[in-house]
Amino acid sequence: MVNPWYCATLLAFEANDVMRLRMMKIAFGGGEAFSEVHLMMTEKIGAAVEALSSMMFGGTPMSVIERYREHVAANACRLGEG
């Protein structure tokens, strides 16, 4: 079994990279920056609701961390394309 702290640490490093990519996109300004901020806020609210729902219905902290890592990986791919 994988240590939950290991997965949480990986999430922290992966999220840091996505934050860097997002801040670069926002720093360039314009319509894309506004869209990115809007998408970021929408995603954060959705992810929080998803995590809460998961925990309420018997999910484990590890399952929540793994799901967050999936979201972060998708954002890294999307932001890395541009």
C-alpha atoms as a PDB file:
ATOM      1  CA  MET A   1       0.000   0.000   0.000  1.00  0.00           C
ATOM      2  CA  VAL A   2       1.254   3.438  -0.892  1.00  0.00           C
ATOM      3  CA  ASN A   3       1.892   5.847   1.960  1.00  0.00           C
ATOM      4  CA  PRO A   4      -0.753   8.646   1.926  1.00  0.00           C
ATOM      5  CA  TRP A   5       1.917  11.187   2.857  1.00  0.00           C
ATOM      6  CA  TYR A   6       3.882  10.242  -0.251  1.00  0.00           C
ATOM      7  CA  CYS A   7       0.838  10.862  -2.463  1.00  0.00           C
ATOM      8  CA  ALA A   8       0.076  14.123  -0.661  1.00  0.00           C
ATOM      9  CA  THR A   9       3.670  15.252  -1.241  1.00  0.00           C
ATOM     10  CA  LEU A  10       3.428  14.393  -4.929  1.00  0.00           C
ATOM     11  CA  LEU A  11       0.177  16.364  -5.121  1.00  0.00           C
ATOM     12  CA  ALA A  12       1.908  19.375  -3.577  1.00  0.00           C
ATOM     13  CA  PHE A  13       4.742  19.298  -6.120  1.00  0.00           C
ATOM     14  CA  GLU A  14       2.387  18.724  -9.069  1.00  0.00           C
ATOM     15  CA  ALA A  15       0.038  21.493  -7.932  1.00  0.00           C
ATOM     16  CA  ASN A  16       2.993  23.849  -7.599  1.00  0.00           C
ATOM     17  CA  ASP A  17       3.841  23.315 -11.261  1.00  0.00           C
ATOM     18  CA  VAL A  18       0.239  23.967 -12.317  1.00  0.00           C
ATOM     19  CA  MET A  19       0.194  27.165 -10.238  1.00  0.00           C
ATOM     20  CA  ARG A  20       3.357  28.295 -12.011  1.00  0.00           C
ATOM     21  CA  LEU A  21       1.826  27.615 -15.434  1.00  0.00           C
ATOM     22  CA  ARG A  22      -1.400  29.386 -14.478  1.00  0.00           C
ATOM     23  CA  MET A  23       0.378  32.441 -13.112  1.00  0.00           C
ATOM     24  CA  MET A  24       2.389  32.729 -16.317  1.00  0.00           C
ATOM     25  CA  LYS A  25      -0.815  32.619 -18.356  1.00  0.00           C
ATOM     26  CA  ILE A  26      -2.520  35.169 -16.112  1.00  0.00           C
ATOM     27  CA  ALA A  27       0.533  37.452 -16.160  1.00  0.00           C
ATOM     28  CA  PHE A  28       0.255  37.808 -19.942  1.00  0.00           C
ATOM     29  CA  GLY A  29      -3.208  39.305 -19.413  1.00  0.00           C
ATOM     30  CA  GLY A  30      -5.995  39.653 -21.922  1.00  0.00           C
ATOM     31  CA  GLY A  31      -9.027  37.501 -22.505  1.00  0.00           C
ATOM     32  CA  GLU A  32      -7.145  34.266 -21.936  1.00  0.00           C
ATOM     33  CA  ALA A  33      -6.116  35.440 -18.465  1.00  0.00           C
ATOM     34  CA  PHE A  34      -9.719  36.270 -17.556  1.00  0.00           C
ATOM     35  CA  SER A  35     -10.882  32.895 -18.868  1.00  0.00           C
ATOM     36  CA  GLU A  36      -8.162  31.101 -16.905  1.00  0.00           C
ATOM     37  CA  VAL A  37      -9.112  32.823 -13.636  1.00  0.00           C
ATOM     38  CA  HIS A  38     -12.777  31.984 -14.212  1.00  0.00           C
ATOM     39  CA  LEU A  39     -11.950  28.359 -15.033  1.00  0.00           C
ATOM     40  CA  MET A  40      -9.645  28.109 -12.017  1.00  0.00           C
ATOM     41  CA  MET A  41     -12.333  29.303  -9.607  1.00  0.00           C
ATOM     42  CA  THR A  42     -14.961  27.038 -11.153  1.00  0.00           C
ATOM     43  CA  GLU A  43     -12.634  24.029 -10.949  1.00  0.00           C
ATOM     44  CA  LYS A  44     -11.700  24.734  -7.328  1.00  0.00           C
ATOM     45  CA  ILE A  45     -15.331  24.931  -6.229  1.00  0.00           C
ATOM     46  CA  GLY A  46     -16.184  21.780  -8.187  1.00  0.00           C
ATOM     47  CA  ALA A  47     -13.226  19.870  -6.757  1.00  0.00           C
ATOM     48  CA  ALA A  48     -14.127  20.887  -3.197  1.00  0.00           C
ATOM     49  CA  VAL A  49     -17.733  19.750  -3.677  1.00  0.00           C
ATOM     50  CA  GLU A  50     -16.515  16.486  -5.207  1.00  0.00           C
ATOM     51  CA  ALA A  51     -14.105  15.857  -2.304  1.00  0.00           C
ATOM     52  CA  LEU A  52     -16.777  16.609   0.283  1.00  0.00           C
ATOM     53  CA  SER A  53     -19.265  14.324  -1.450  1.00  0.00           C
ATOM     54  CA  SER A  54     -16.697  11.564  -1.647  1.00  0.00           C
ATOM     55  CA  MET A  55     -15.917  11.791   2.056  1.00  0.00           C
ATOM     56  CA  MET A  56     -19.598  11.948   3.024  1.00  0.00           C
ATOM     57  CA  PHE A  57     -20.311   8.735   1.135  1.00  0.00           C
ATOM     58  CA  GLY A  58     -17.437   6.710   2.552  1.00  0.00           C
ATOM     59  CA  GLY A  59     -14.467   7.776   0.463  1.00  0.00           C
ATOM     60  CA  THR A  60     -11.030   7.697   1.997  1.00  0.00           C
ATOM     61  CA  PRO A  61      -8.609  10.605   2.233  1.00  0.00           C
ATOM     62  CA  MET A  62      -6.360   8.651  -0.135  1.00  0.00           C
ATOM     63  CA  SER A  63      -9.122   8.469  -2.763  1.00  0.00           C
ATOM     64  CA  VAL A  64      -9.635  12.228  -2.481  1.00  0.00           C
ATOM     65  CA  ILE A  65      -5.906  12.878  -2.915  1.00  0.00           C
ATOM     66  CA  GLU A  66      -5.762  10.589  -5.951  1.00  0.00           C
ATOM     67  CA  ARG A  67      -8.760  12.356  -7.527  1.00  0.00           C
ATOM     68  CA  TYR A  68      -7.172  15.767  -6.916  1.00  0.00           C
ATOM     69  CA  ARG A  69      -3.998  14.468  -8.580  1.00  0.00           C
ATOM     70  CA  GLU A  70      -6.087  13.522 -11.643  1.00  0.00           C
ATOM     71  CA  HIS A  71      -7.477  17.066 -11.818  1.00  0.00           C
ATOM     72  CA  VAL A  72      -4.001  18.550 -11.422  1.00  0.00           C
ATOM     73  CA  ALA A  73      -2.573  16.274 -14.130  1.00  0.00           C
ATOM     74  CA  ALA A  74      -5.347  17.289 -16.540  1.00  0.00           C
ATOM     75  CA  ASN A  75      -4.603  20.967 -15.889  1.00  0.00           C
ATOM     76  CA  ALA A  76      -0.881  20.410 -16.371  1.00  0.00           C
ATOM     77  CA  CYS A  77      -1.530  18.827 -19.764  1.00  0.00           C
ATOM     78  CA  ARG A  78      -3.928  21.592 -20.800  1.00  0.00           C
ATOM     79  CA  LEU A  79      -1.656  24.422 -19.684  1.00  0.00           C
ATOM     80  CA  GLY A  80       1.482  22.825 -21.064  1.00  0.00           C
ATOM     81  CA  GLU A  81       0.008  22.756 -24.587  1.00  0.00           C
ATOM     82  CA  GLY A  82      -0.161  26.541 -24.921  1.00  0.00           C
END
